[in-house]
């Protein structure tokens, strides 16, 4: 069942990436998907059967524009800091706590933080993430966690846990 779920998910991604139902594309997709699922299917940490849950799909669809909105805001913030004559930056590495439990959720959180301009995930150790931040403000882990990851965690919890 796991193999079939992974195959369907990967083949769906293949079809979305090629955007073609030409017989040659479909056959190539089936062959590549079978090879990937057969050779690397055991390294998937996310259960494919959970990915087809309509509630999780709904929250993933909600997350994409939500995330993109924060990327735009962060781009504007970084652009302001770059063009400001005094260059108001206070870079540093901060430790934040996450309440997410699954590895996939933590990975998604770390990637979301890294893809947001002005922040970069340096390391993950259990429930702690070390983040390089362009403008460190606040004084403790709780404030930093809320400022950096607080906006992403509730939706990621609904998707991955």
N, C-alpha and C. Protein backbone atom coordinates (compact mmCIF):
# COMPACT_ATOMS: atom_id res chain seq x y z
N UNK A 1 0.83 -1.20 0.00
CA UNK A 1 0.00 0.00 0.00
C UNK A 1 0.87 1.25 0.00
N UNK A 2 1.97 1.23 0.78
CA UNK A 2 2.88 2.38 0.83
C UNK A 2 3.48 2.63 -0.55
N UNK A 3 3.87 1.56 -1.23
CA UNK A 3 4.46 1.67 -2.57
C UNK A 3 3.47 2.32 -3.54
N UNK A 4 2.22 1.87 -3.49
CA UNK A 4 1.20 2.41 -4.40
C UNK A 4 0.94 3.89 -4.11
N UNK A 5 0.85 4.25 -2.84
CA UNK A 5 0.63 5.64 -2.47
C UNK A 5 1.77 6.54 -2.92
N UNK A 6 3.00 6.08 -2.71
CA UNK A 6 4.17 6.85 -3.14
C UNK A 6 4.21 6.95 -4.66
N UNK A 7 3.90 5.85 -5.35
CA UNK A 7 3.88 5.87 -6.81
C UNK A 7 2.87 6.89 -7.33
N UNK A 8 1.66 6.87 -6.78
CA UNK A 8 0.62 7.81 -7.24
C UNK A 8 1.05 9.25 -6.99
N UNK A 9 1.62 9.52 -5.81
CA UNK A 9 2.04 10.87 -5.49
C UNK A 9 3.16 11.34 -6.43
N UNK A 10 4.17 10.51 -6.63
CA UNK A 10 5.28 10.90 -7.50
C UNK A 10 4.86 11.01 -8.96
N UNK A 11 3.99 10.10 -9.40
CA UNK A 11 3.51 10.18 -10.78
C UNK A 11 2.67 11.44 -10.99
N UNK A 12 1.89 11.81 -9.99
CA UNK A 12 1.13 13.07 -10.06
C UNK A 12 2.06 14.27 -10.19
N UNK A 13 3.15 14.25 -9.43
CA UNK A 13 4.13 15.33 -9.54
C UNK A 13 4.76 15.33 -10.94
N UNK A 14 5.06 14.15 -11.47
CA UNK A 14 5.61 14.05 -12.83
C UNK A 14 4.66 14.69 -13.84
N UNK A 15 3.38 14.35 -13.73
CA UNK A 15 2.40 14.90 -14.67
C UNK A 15 2.29 16.42 -14.54
N UNK A 16 2.36 16.93 -13.32
CA UNK A 16 2.31 18.38 -13.12
C UNK A 16 3.54 19.06 -13.69
N UNK A 17 4.69 18.44 -13.55
CA UNK A 17 5.92 19.05 -14.06
C UNK A 17 6.02 19.00 -15.58
N UNK A 18 5.57 17.91 -16.17
CA UNK A 18 5.66 17.81 -17.64
C UNK A 18 4.46 18.45 -18.32
N UNK A 19 3.34 18.50 -17.64
CA UNK A 19 2.10 19.10 -18.15
C UNK A 19 1.75 18.55 -19.53
N UNK A 20 1.89 17.22 -19.66
CA UNK A 20 1.62 16.58 -20.95
C UNK A 20 1.05 15.18 -20.70
N UNK A 21 0.08 14.83 -21.54
CA UNK A 21 -0.46 13.47 -21.50
C UNK A 21 -0.09 12.70 -22.76
N UNK A 22 0.95 13.16 -23.43
CA UNK A 22 1.44 12.45 -24.61
C UNK A 22 1.91 11.07 -24.16
N UNK A 23 1.63 10.04 -24.97
CA UNK A 23 1.99 8.67 -24.57
C UNK A 23 3.46 8.52 -24.17
N UNK A 24 4.37 9.15 -24.88
CA UNK A 24 5.79 9.02 -24.55
C UNK A 24 6.08 9.62 -23.17
N UNK A 25 5.45 10.74 -22.85
CA UNK A 25 5.65 11.38 -21.55
C UNK A 25 5.08 10.53 -20.42
N UNK A 26 3.91 9.97 -20.66
CA UNK A 26 3.26 9.14 -19.63
C UNK A 26 4.08 7.88 -19.39
N UNK A 27 4.54 7.23 -20.45
CA UNK A 27 5.35 6.01 -20.31
C UNK A 27 6.66 6.34 -19.59
N UNK A 28 7.32 7.43 -19.99
CA UNK A 28 8.55 7.83 -19.30
C UNK A 28 8.28 8.12 -17.83
N UNK A 29 7.16 8.76 -17.55
CA UNK A 29 6.80 9.05 -16.17
C UNK A 29 6.57 7.81 -15.34
N UNK A 30 5.90 6.83 -15.93
CA UNK A 30 5.66 5.56 -15.22
C UNK A 30 6.99 4.87 -14.93
N UNK A 31 7.87 4.82 -15.93
CA UNK A 31 9.16 4.13 -15.75
C UNK A 31 10.00 4.85 -14.68
N UNK A 32 10.11 6.17 -14.78
CA UNK A 32 10.92 6.92 -13.81
C UNK A 32 10.32 6.81 -12.41
N UNK A 33 9.00 6.93 -12.32
CA UNK A 33 8.34 6.85 -11.01
C UNK A 33 8.51 5.47 -10.40
N UNK A 34 8.39 4.41 -11.20
CA UNK A 34 8.62 3.06 -10.69
C UNK A 34 10.06 2.89 -10.18
N UNK A 35 11.02 3.41 -10.94
CA UNK A 35 12.42 3.32 -10.52
C UNK A 35 12.67 4.08 -9.22
N UNK A 36 12.18 5.30 -9.14
CA UNK A 36 12.40 6.10 -7.94
C UNK A 36 11.70 5.47 -6.74
N UNK A 37 10.47 5.05 -6.92
CA UNK A 37 9.73 4.45 -5.81
C UNK A 37 10.38 3.14 -5.39
N UNK A 38 10.82 2.34 -6.34
CA UNK A 38 11.45 1.07 -6.01
C UNK A 38 12.81 1.22 -5.35
N UNK A 39 13.61 2.16 -5.83
CA UNK A 39 14.97 2.31 -5.31
C UNK A 39 15.05 3.19 -4.06
N UNK A 40 14.20 4.20 -3.99
CA UNK A 40 14.32 5.16 -2.89
C UNK A 40 13.05 5.30 -2.07
N UNK A 41 12.07 4.44 -2.29
CA UNK A 41 10.80 4.55 -1.59
C UNK A 41 10.90 4.39 -0.09
N UNK A 42 11.90 3.65 0.37
CA UNK A 42 12.02 3.43 1.81
C UNK A 42 12.60 4.63 2.55
N UNK A 43 13.11 5.64 1.84
CA UNK A 43 13.67 6.80 2.53
C UNK A 43 12.65 7.92 2.72
N UNK A 44 11.45 7.77 2.16
CA UNK A 44 10.42 8.78 2.37
C UNK A 44 10.01 8.76 3.83
N UNK A 45 10.11 9.93 4.47
CA UNK A 45 9.75 9.99 5.89
C UNK A 45 8.28 10.31 6.09
N UNK A 46 7.63 10.77 5.05
CA UNK A 46 6.23 11.16 5.14
C UNK A 46 5.38 10.04 4.56
N UNK A 47 4.38 9.60 5.27
CA UNK A 47 3.53 8.53 4.79
C UNK A 47 2.63 9.05 3.68
N UNK A 48 2.75 8.44 2.52
CA UNK A 48 2.00 8.90 1.35
C UNK A 48 0.50 8.82 1.57
N UNK A 49 0.05 7.84 2.33
CA UNK A 49 -1.39 7.71 2.56
C UNK A 49 -1.95 8.91 3.31
N UNK A 50 -1.14 9.54 4.16
CA UNK A 50 -1.59 10.73 4.88
C UNK A 50 -1.68 11.94 3.95
N UNK A 51 -0.93 11.93 2.87
CA UNK A 51 -0.90 13.07 1.96
C UNK A 51 -2.22 13.24 1.20
N UNK A 52 -3.00 12.18 1.10
CA UNK A 52 -4.25 12.24 0.35
C UNK A 52 -5.44 12.65 1.21
N UNK A 53 -5.20 12.98 2.46
CA UNK A 53 -6.25 13.44 3.35
C UNK A 53 -6.74 14.81 2.86
N UNK A 54 -8.04 14.98 2.56
CA UNK A 54 -8.54 16.25 2.02
C UNK A 54 -8.30 17.44 2.94
N UNK A 55 -8.32 17.22 4.25
CA UNK A 55 -8.07 18.32 5.19
C UNK A 55 -6.63 18.80 5.06
N UNK A 56 -5.69 17.86 4.96
CA UNK A 56 -4.28 18.24 4.80
C UNK A 56 -4.06 18.96 3.47
N UNK A 57 -4.70 18.48 2.42
CA UNK A 57 -4.57 19.14 1.12
C UNK A 57 -5.12 20.55 1.17
N UNK A 58 -6.27 20.73 1.83
CA UNK A 58 -6.85 22.06 1.99
C UNK A 58 -5.87 23.00 2.69
N UNK A 59 -5.27 22.56 3.80
CA UNK A 59 -4.36 23.42 4.54
C UNK A 59 -3.07 23.67 3.76
N UNK A 60 -2.65 22.74 2.92
CA UNK A 60 -1.48 23.00 2.07
C UNK A 60 -1.80 24.08 1.03
N UNK A 61 -3.01 24.01 0.48
CA UNK A 61 -3.44 25.05 -0.47
C UNK A 61 -3.53 26.40 0.22
N UNK A 62 -3.98 26.44 1.46
CA UNK A 62 -4.03 27.68 2.23
C UNK A 62 -2.62 28.18 2.53
N UNK A 63 -1.71 27.25 2.83
CA UNK A 63 -0.35 27.62 3.24
C UNK A 63 0.44 28.31 2.12
N UNK A 64 0.25 27.89 0.90
CA UNK A 64 1.06 28.43 -0.20
C UNK A 64 0.90 29.94 -0.36
N UNK A 65 -0.30 30.49 -0.51
CA UNK A 65 -0.38 31.95 -0.61
C UNK A 65 -0.02 32.66 0.71
N UNK A 66 -0.32 32.02 1.83
CA UNK A 66 0.04 32.57 3.14
C UNK A 66 1.55 32.74 3.23
N UNK A 67 2.28 31.68 2.86
CA UNK A 67 3.74 31.72 2.86
C UNK A 67 4.26 32.76 1.88
N UNK A 68 3.70 32.79 0.67
CA UNK A 68 4.15 33.75 -0.33
C UNK A 68 3.95 35.20 0.13
N UNK A 69 2.88 35.45 0.87
CA UNK A 69 2.63 36.79 1.42
C UNK A 69 3.77 37.19 2.35
N UNK A 70 4.18 36.29 3.22
CA UNK A 70 5.28 36.60 4.14
C UNK A 70 6.62 36.71 3.43
N UNK A 71 6.78 36.01 2.33
CA UNK A 71 8.00 36.16 1.52
C UNK A 71 8.05 37.57 0.92
N UNK A 72 6.91 38.04 0.41
CA UNK A 72 6.85 39.40 -0.15
C UNK A 72 7.15 40.43 0.93
N UNK A 73 6.53 40.29 2.10
CA UNK A 73 6.79 41.23 3.20
C UNK A 73 8.27 41.22 3.60
N UNK A 74 8.87 40.04 3.69
CA UNK A 74 10.28 39.95 4.05
C UNK A 74 11.17 40.55 2.98
N UNK A 75 10.81 40.37 1.70
CA UNK A 75 11.56 40.99 0.62
C UNK A 75 11.54 42.51 0.75
N UNK A 76 10.38 43.06 1.04
CA UNK A 76 10.26 44.51 1.21
C UNK A 76 11.09 44.98 2.40
N UNK A 77 11.07 44.23 3.49
CA UNK A 77 11.84 44.58 4.67
C UNK A 77 13.34 44.57 4.37
N UNK A 78 13.82 43.54 3.71
CA UNK A 78 15.24 43.45 3.37
C UNK A 78 15.61 44.56 2.38
N UNK A 79 14.75 44.83 1.41
CA UNK A 79 15.03 45.91 0.45
C UNK A 79 15.13 47.25 1.18
N UNK A 80 14.24 47.49 2.13
CA UNK A 80 14.30 48.72 2.92
C UNK A 80 15.63 48.82 3.65
N UNK A 81 16.06 47.73 4.26
CA UNK A 81 17.32 47.75 5.01
C UNK A 81 18.52 47.98 4.09
N UNK A 82 18.44 47.48 2.87
CA UNK A 82 19.55 47.65 1.92
C UNK A 82 19.64 49.08 1.42
N UNK A 83 18.50 49.70 1.11
CA UNK A 83 18.55 51.05 0.53
C UNK A 83 18.56 52.15 1.59
N UNK A 84 18.33 51.83 2.84
CA UNK A 84 18.36 52.82 3.91
C UNK A 84 19.79 53.31 4.09
N UNK A 85 19.99 54.62 4.22
CA UNK A 85 21.37 55.14 4.32
C UNK A 85 22.14 54.64 5.54
N UNK A 86 21.47 54.33 6.62
CA UNK A 86 22.16 53.87 7.83
C UNK A 86 22.29 52.35 7.91
N UNK A 87 21.74 51.64 6.93
CA UNK A 87 21.79 50.18 6.87
C UNK A 87 21.44 49.56 8.23
N UNK A 88 20.17 49.65 8.62
CA UNK A 88 19.77 49.18 9.95
C UNK A 88 19.70 47.66 10.06
N UNK A 89 20.86 47.05 10.26
CA UNK A 89 20.88 45.61 10.47
C UNK A 89 21.58 45.32 11.80
N UNK A 90 21.17 44.23 12.41
CA UNK A 90 21.80 43.71 13.62
C UNK A 90 21.80 42.20 13.48
N UNK A 91 22.68 41.65 12.64
CA UNK A 91 22.64 40.22 12.38
C UNK A 91 23.10 39.39 13.57
N UNK A 92 22.57 38.19 13.64
CA UNK A 92 22.98 37.27 14.69
C UNK A 92 22.31 35.92 14.50
N UNK A 93 22.81 34.96 15.24
CA UNK A 93 22.21 33.62 15.22
C UNK A 93 21.43 33.46 16.51
N UNK A 94 20.16 33.10 16.36
CA UNK A 94 19.28 32.93 17.52
C UNK A 94 18.78 31.49 17.55
N UNK A 95 18.45 31.05 18.75
CA UNK A 95 17.88 29.71 18.93
C UNK A 95 16.39 29.88 19.15
N UNK A 96 15.59 29.12 18.38
CA UNK A 96 14.15 29.15 18.58
C UNK A 96 13.66 27.75 18.92
N UNK A 97 12.53 27.68 19.58
CA UNK A 97 11.91 26.41 19.94
C UNK A 97 10.72 26.18 19.00
N UNK A 98 10.54 24.96 18.59
CA UNK A 98 9.37 24.61 17.81
C UNK A 98 8.55 23.57 18.56
N UNK A 99 7.26 23.66 18.40
CA UNK A 99 6.38 22.67 19.02
C UNK A 99 6.00 21.57 18.03
N UNK A 100 6.53 21.64 16.82
CA UNK A 100 6.25 20.61 15.82
C UNK A 100 7.01 19.33 16.19
N UNK A 101 6.40 18.19 15.93
CA UNK A 101 6.99 16.92 16.36
C UNK A 101 7.59 16.09 15.23
N UNK A 102 6.96 16.08 14.06
CA UNK A 102 7.45 15.21 12.99
C UNK A 102 8.63 15.83 12.26
N UNK A 103 9.49 14.97 11.73
CA UNK A 103 10.65 15.45 10.99
C UNK A 103 10.23 16.24 9.74
N UNK A 104 9.17 15.78 9.08
CA UNK A 104 8.71 16.47 7.88
C UNK A 104 8.23 17.88 8.21
N UNK A 105 7.50 18.02 9.30
CA UNK A 105 7.01 19.35 9.71
C UNK A 105 8.18 20.27 10.05
N UNK A 106 9.17 19.75 10.76
CA UNK A 106 10.34 20.57 11.10
C UNK A 106 11.13 20.96 9.85
N UNK A 107 11.24 20.02 8.92
CA UNK A 107 11.94 20.32 7.67
C UNK A 107 11.21 21.39 6.88
N UNK A 108 9.90 21.28 6.81
CA UNK A 108 9.10 22.29 6.10
C UNK A 108 9.24 23.64 6.78
N UNK A 109 9.23 23.66 8.12
CA UNK A 109 9.40 24.92 8.86
C UNK A 109 10.77 25.51 8.57
N UNK A 110 11.81 24.69 8.63
CA UNK A 110 13.17 25.17 8.37
C UNK A 110 13.29 25.72 6.96
N UNK A 111 12.71 25.04 5.98
CA UNK A 111 12.76 25.52 4.59
C UNK A 111 11.95 26.80 4.42
N UNK A 112 10.81 26.89 5.09
CA UNK A 112 10.01 28.11 5.01
C UNK A 112 10.76 29.29 5.59
N UNK A 113 11.46 29.07 6.70
CA UNK A 113 12.25 30.14 7.30
C UNK A 113 13.40 30.53 6.37
N UNK A 114 14.08 29.55 5.80
CA UNK A 114 15.21 29.84 4.92
C UNK A 114 14.77 30.56 3.64
N UNK A 115 13.61 30.18 3.10
CA UNK A 115 13.14 30.82 1.87
C UNK A 115 12.59 32.23 2.11
N UNK A 116 12.39 32.60 3.36
CA UNK A 116 11.94 33.95 3.69
C UNK A 116 13.18 34.83 3.81
N UNK A 117 13.32 35.86 2.98
CA UNK A 117 14.52 36.70 3.01
C UNK A 117 14.76 37.31 4.40
N UNK A 118 16.03 37.35 4.78
CA UNK A 118 16.41 37.91 6.07
C UNK A 118 16.63 36.85 7.13
N UNK A 119 16.26 35.61 6.84
CA UNK A 119 16.47 34.51 7.79
C UNK A 119 17.07 33.31 7.07
N UNK A 120 17.82 32.53 7.81
CA UNK A 120 18.44 31.34 7.25
C UNK A 120 18.56 30.30 8.35
N UNK A 121 18.01 29.12 8.14
CA UNK A 121 18.11 28.05 9.11
C UNK A 121 19.51 27.46 9.02
N UNK A 122 20.23 27.48 10.15
CA UNK A 122 21.59 27.00 10.19
C UNK A 122 21.65 25.55 10.66
N UNK A 123 20.82 25.19 11.65
CA UNK A 123 20.88 23.84 12.20
C UNK A 123 19.55 23.51 12.88
N UNK A 124 19.25 22.23 12.94
CA UNK A 124 18.08 21.73 13.67
C UNK A 124 18.58 20.65 14.63
N UNK A 125 18.26 20.82 15.90
CA UNK A 125 18.59 19.82 16.91
C UNK A 125 17.34 19.58 17.75
N UNK A 126 16.75 18.41 17.54
CA UNK A 126 15.51 18.02 18.20
C UNK A 126 14.44 19.09 18.00
N UNK A 127 14.03 19.82 19.03
CA UNK A 127 12.99 20.84 18.88
C UNK A 127 13.56 22.25 18.86
N UNK A 128 14.83 22.38 18.58
CA UNK A 128 15.48 23.68 18.51
C UNK A 128 16.00 23.92 17.10
N UNK A 129 15.77 25.13 16.62
CA UNK A 129 16.31 25.53 15.32
C UNK A 129 17.23 26.72 15.57
N UNK A 130 18.36 26.72 14.91
CA UNK A 130 19.28 27.85 14.99
C UNK A 130 19.15 28.64 13.69
N UNK A 131 18.81 29.92 13.85
CA UNK A 131 18.47 30.76 12.70
C UNK A 131 19.41 31.96 12.65
N UNK A 132 19.97 32.22 11.47
CA UNK A 132 20.69 33.47 11.25
C UNK A 132 19.64 34.49 10.84
N UNK A 133 19.58 35.60 11.56
CA UNK A 133 18.53 36.60 11.38
C UNK A 133 19.18 37.94 11.07
N UNK A 134 18.66 38.65 10.10
CA UNK A 134 19.27 39.90 9.66
C UNK A 134 19.12 41.03 10.69
N UNK A 135 18.04 41.00 11.46
CA UNK A 135 17.82 42.05 12.46
C UNK A 135 17.27 41.42 13.73
N UNK A 136 18.17 41.09 14.64
CA UNK A 136 17.79 40.43 15.88
C UNK A 136 17.16 41.46 16.80
N UNK A 137 15.93 41.21 17.20
CA UNK A 137 15.28 42.02 18.22
C UNK A 137 14.56 41.08 19.18
N UNK A 138 14.28 41.55 20.34
CA UNK A 138 13.75 40.68 21.39
C UNK A 138 14.88 40.20 22.26
N UNK A 139 14.53 39.56 23.36
CA UNK A 139 15.57 39.19 24.31
C UNK A 139 15.62 37.71 24.66
N UNK A 140 14.60 36.95 24.32
CA UNK A 140 14.62 35.55 24.74
C UNK A 140 14.09 34.63 23.64
N UNK A 141 14.24 33.34 23.88
CA UNK A 141 13.87 32.32 22.91
C UNK A 141 12.39 32.40 22.56
N UNK A 142 11.56 32.68 23.54
CA UNK A 142 10.11 32.73 23.29
C UNK A 142 9.76 33.85 22.30
N UNK A 143 10.33 35.03 22.48
CA UNK A 143 10.08 36.14 21.56
C UNK A 143 10.60 35.83 20.16
N UNK A 144 11.80 35.27 20.10
CA UNK A 144 12.39 34.94 18.80
C UNK A 144 11.58 33.86 18.09
N UNK A 145 11.14 32.86 18.85
CA UNK A 145 10.35 31.78 18.27
C UNK A 145 9.05 32.31 17.67
N UNK A 146 8.39 33.20 18.41
CA UNK A 146 7.14 33.77 17.94
C UNK A 146 7.36 34.64 16.70
N UNK A 147 8.42 35.44 16.71
CA UNK A 147 8.68 36.35 15.58
C UNK A 147 9.07 35.60 14.31
N UNK A 148 9.82 34.54 14.45
CA UNK A 148 10.33 33.84 13.26
C UNK A 148 9.41 32.71 12.81
N UNK A 149 9.04 31.83 13.72
CA UNK A 149 8.31 30.61 13.34
C UNK A 149 6.84 30.63 13.72
N UNK A 150 6.44 31.55 14.56
CA UNK A 150 5.07 31.55 15.08
C UNK A 150 4.00 31.65 14.03
N UNK A 151 4.29 32.33 12.95
CA UNK A 151 3.27 32.49 11.90
C UNK A 151 3.12 31.23 11.04
N UNK A 152 4.14 30.39 10.97
CA UNK A 152 4.10 29.20 10.12
C UNK A 152 3.63 27.94 10.86
N UNK A 153 3.98 27.82 12.13
CA UNK A 153 3.74 26.58 12.86
C UNK A 153 2.28 26.12 12.91
N UNK A 154 1.30 26.99 13.17
CA UNK A 154 -0.09 26.48 13.27
C UNK A 154 -0.58 25.79 12.00
N UNK A 155 -0.25 26.35 10.85
CA UNK A 155 -0.70 25.73 9.60
C UNK A 155 0.10 24.47 9.31
N UNK A 156 1.41 24.50 9.54
CA UNK A 156 2.24 23.32 9.30
C UNK A 156 1.81 22.17 10.21
N UNK A 157 1.38 22.47 11.42
CA UNK A 157 0.88 21.42 12.33
C UNK A 157 -0.34 20.75 11.73
N UNK A 158 -1.23 21.52 11.12
CA UNK A 158 -2.43 20.95 10.51
C UNK A 158 -2.12 20.11 9.28
N UNK A 159 -1.03 20.43 8.62
CA UNK A 159 -0.66 19.68 7.41
C UNK A 159 0.07 18.40 7.76
N UNK A 160 1.04 18.47 8.67
CA UNK A 160 1.97 17.36 8.87
C UNK A 160 1.80 16.56 10.16
N UNK A 161 0.95 16.99 11.06
CA UNK A 161 0.84 16.23 12.32
C UNK A 161 -0.57 15.78 12.57
